[in-house]
Amino acid sequence: MLTIGNSAPSFELPDQFGKVHKLSDYRGKKVILYFYPKDLTPGCTTEACEFRDASDILTKKNIAVLGISADKVDLHKKFSDKYKLNFPLLADTEKKVINTYGVWGLKKFLGKTYSGILRTTFIIGKNGKIEKIFEKVKPEGHASQILDHT
């Protein structure tokens, strides 16, 4: 279980264009690392578009946004193209990073229980340490919530 003050676990994943990103590529920047369940779904679209719309402010604050789900690169590309997303969506199809960050678990929807990605955001400091963890994230208003903590 990761907690505030822990070093953020390193990773290496491809984005929607096939470019590989490593967490270490972002040393010296604050990183918003958000895990979301599924491309092209209403809640995930709301969350991604809010981050897109906040990009000017985030860039001025030297903050990078990285989204991670278990979807494949090609679906990330469709999602990114459709909504003109301006940050990397990383494909963790093997769920290695998802499991390392502890965001895979039981969920309930319409009375059914199933396993999936728990919508969670980590703010990682310039030094690579976890500064804040948002669990059970509500997509609407999440970018503003993040901006209040950066």
Protein backbone atom coordinates (compact mmCIF):
# COMPACT_ATOMS: atom_id res chain seq x y z
CA MET A 1 0.00 0.00 0.00
CA LEU A 2 1.53 3.29 -1.09
CA THR A 3 1.33 6.26 1.24
CA ILE A 4 2.29 9.92 1.21
CA GLY A 5 6.08 10.27 1.43
CA ASN A 6 6.80 6.98 -0.39
CA SER A 7 8.89 7.08 -3.53
CA ALA A 8 6.54 6.67 -6.47
CA PRO A 9 7.20 3.31 -8.12
CA SER A 10 8.96 3.63 -11.46
CA PHE A 11 7.33 2.47 -14.66
CA GLU A 12 7.81 2.37 -18.41
CA LEU A 13 4.66 2.35 -20.57
CA PRO A 14 3.65 3.32 -24.12
CA ASP A 15 1.32 6.24 -24.77
CA GLN A 16 -1.44 6.65 -27.37
CA PHE A 17 1.19 7.24 -30.07
CA GLY A 18 3.43 4.31 -29.07
CA LYS A 19 6.03 6.55 -27.41
CA VAL A 20 7.40 5.01 -24.21
CA HIS A 21 7.27 7.13 -21.05
CA LYS A 22 9.22 6.47 -17.88
CA LEU A 23 8.35 8.15 -14.59
CA SER A 24 12.02 9.15 -14.36
CA ASP A 25 11.55 11.24 -17.54
CA TYR A 26 9.55 13.66 -15.38
CA ARG A 27 12.07 14.23 -12.55
CA GLY A 28 12.12 17.92 -11.72
CA LYS A 29 8.42 18.28 -12.56
CA LYS A 30 5.41 17.63 -10.45
CA VAL A 31 3.31 14.79 -11.93
CA ILE A 32 -0.40 14.15 -11.76
CA LEU A 33 -0.64 10.40 -12.27
CA TYR A 34 -4.25 9.40 -12.59
CA PHE A 35 -5.64 5.92 -13.03
CA TYR A 36 -8.98 5.59 -14.76
CA PRO A 37 -11.16 2.59 -15.67
CA LYS A 38 -11.92 2.81 -19.41
CA ASP A 39 -11.44 4.99 -22.47
CA LEU A 40 -14.50 6.54 -24.13
CA THR A 41 -16.79 6.11 -21.11
CA PRO A 42 -18.71 9.06 -19.61
CA GLY A 43 -16.83 9.46 -16.31
CA CYS A 44 -13.41 8.91 -17.84
CA THR A 45 -14.20 11.36 -20.63
CA THR A 46 -15.27 14.01 -18.11
CA GLU A 47 -12.08 13.54 -16.10
CA ALA A 48 -9.76 13.57 -19.13
CA CYS A 49 -11.42 16.64 -20.67
CA GLU A 50 -11.09 18.54 -17.39
CA PHE A 51 -7.36 17.81 -17.35
CA ARG A 52 -7.16 18.86 -21.02
CA ASP A 53 -8.93 22.13 -20.24
CA ALA A 54 -6.63 22.84 -17.27
CA SER A 55 -3.45 22.22 -19.29
CA ASP A 56 -2.45 25.90 -19.59
CA ILE A 57 -2.51 26.36 -15.82
CA LEU A 58 -0.76 23.04 -15.22
CA THR A 59 1.96 23.84 -17.75
CA LYS A 60 2.60 27.22 -16.10
CA LYS A 61 3.00 25.39 -12.78
CA ASN A 62 5.46 22.90 -14.39
CA ILE A 63 3.06 20.00 -13.80
CA ALA A 64 2.75 17.01 -16.14
CA VAL A 65 -0.42 14.91 -16.44
CA LEU A 66 -0.26 11.19 -17.17
CA GLY A 67 -3.36 9.01 -17.43
CA ILE A 68 -3.13 5.23 -17.06
CA SER A 69 -5.66 2.52 -17.82
CA ALA A 70 -5.49 -1.10 -18.98
CA ASP A 71 -6.76 -0.17 -22.44
CA LYS A 72 -4.60 -0.78 -25.51
CA VAL A 73 -2.61 1.91 -27.32
CA ASP A 74 -5.03 2.01 -30.28
CA LEU A 75 -8.04 2.66 -28.04
CA HIS A 76 -6.08 5.38 -26.21
CA LYS A 77 -5.41 6.96 -29.61
CA LYS A 78 -9.11 6.95 -30.52
CA PHE A 79 -9.97 8.49 -27.14
CA SER A 80 -7.22 11.09 -27.41
CA ASP A 81 -8.12 12.01 -31.00
CA LYS A 82 -11.87 12.22 -30.34
CA TYR A 83 -11.48 14.60 -27.38
CA LYS A 84 -8.25 16.33 -28.47
CA LEU A 85 -6.45 15.27 -25.30
CA ASN A 86 -3.11 17.01 -24.88
CA PHE A 87 -1.32 14.70 -22.47
CA PRO A 88 -0.11 11.08 -22.53
CA LEU A 89 -2.52 8.21 -21.95
CA LEU A 90 -0.40 5.24 -20.95
CA ALA A 91 -1.38 1.67 -21.78
CA ASP A 92 -0.86 -0.80 -18.93
CA THR A 93 -2.44 -3.80 -20.63
CA GLU A 94 -0.68 -6.25 -18.32
CA LYS A 95 -1.81 -4.25 -15.25
CA LYS A 96 1.71 -4.27 -13.76
CA VAL A 97 1.73 -0.57 -12.85
CA ILE A 98 -1.96 -0.67 -11.89
CA ASN A 99 -1.19 -3.45 -9.40
CA THR A 100 2.05 -1.83 -8.19
CA TYR A 101 0.13 1.35 -7.34
CA GLY A 102 -2.62 -0.72 -5.67
CA VAL A 103 -5.48 0.61 -7.77
CA TRP A 104 -6.98 -2.72 -8.88
CA GLY A 105 -9.81 -3.93 -6.69
CA LEU A 106 -13.45 -4.80 -6.23
CA LYS A 107 -16.04 -2.37 -7.56
CA LYS A 108 -19.83 -2.30 -7.56
CA PHE A 109 -22.03 -1.09 -10.37
CA LEU A 110 -25.78 -1.66 -10.72
CA GLY A 111 -25.70 -4.21 -7.92
CA LYS A 112 -22.91 -6.28 -9.45
CA THR A 113 -19.45 -6.71 -7.97
CA TYR A 114 -16.47 -7.02 -10.28
CA SER A 115 -12.73 -6.34 -10.38
CA GLY A 116 -11.45 -3.19 -12.05
CA ILE A 117 -9.39 -0.04 -11.78
CA LEU A 118 -10.26 2.08 -8.77
CA ARG A 119 -10.28 5.70 -9.95
CA THR A 120 -7.27 7.09 -8.07
CA THR A 121 -4.89 10.03 -8.55
CA PHE A 122 -1.37 10.45 -7.18
CA ILE A 123 0.43 13.78 -7.05
CA ILE A 124 4.13 13.05 -7.32
CA GLY A 125 6.59 15.75 -6.31
CA LYS A 126 9.61 16.95 -8.27
CA ASN A 127 11.72 14.62 -6.11
CA GLY A 128 9.70 11.53 -7.09
CA LYS A 129 7.90 11.21 -3.74
CA ILE A 130 4.13 10.88 -3.41
CA GLU A 131 2.70 14.14 -2.05
CA LYS A 132 -1.03 13.40 -2.17
CA ILE A 133 -3.35 10.50 -2.98
CA PHE A 134 -6.95 10.97 -4.07
CA GLU A 135 -9.02 7.79 -3.76
CA LYS A 136 -12.58 7.15 -4.95
CA VAL A 137 -12.23 10.12 -7.29
CA LYS A 138 -15.36 11.75 -8.64
CA PRO A 139 -14.56 12.73 -12.25
CA GLU A 140 -16.51 15.97 -12.31
CA GLY A 141 -14.50 18.72 -10.65
CA HIS A 142 -11.41 16.56 -10.14
CA ALA A 143 -9.05 18.82 -12.10
CA SER A 144 -10.10 21.78 -9.91
CA GLN A 145 -9.57 19.63 -6.83
CA ILE A 146 -6.05 18.86 -8.06
CA LEU A 147 -5.30 22.53 -8.83
CA ASP A 148 -6.28 23.39 -5.24
CA HIS A 149 -3.50 21.05 -4.02
CA THR A 150 -0.67 22.11 -6.34
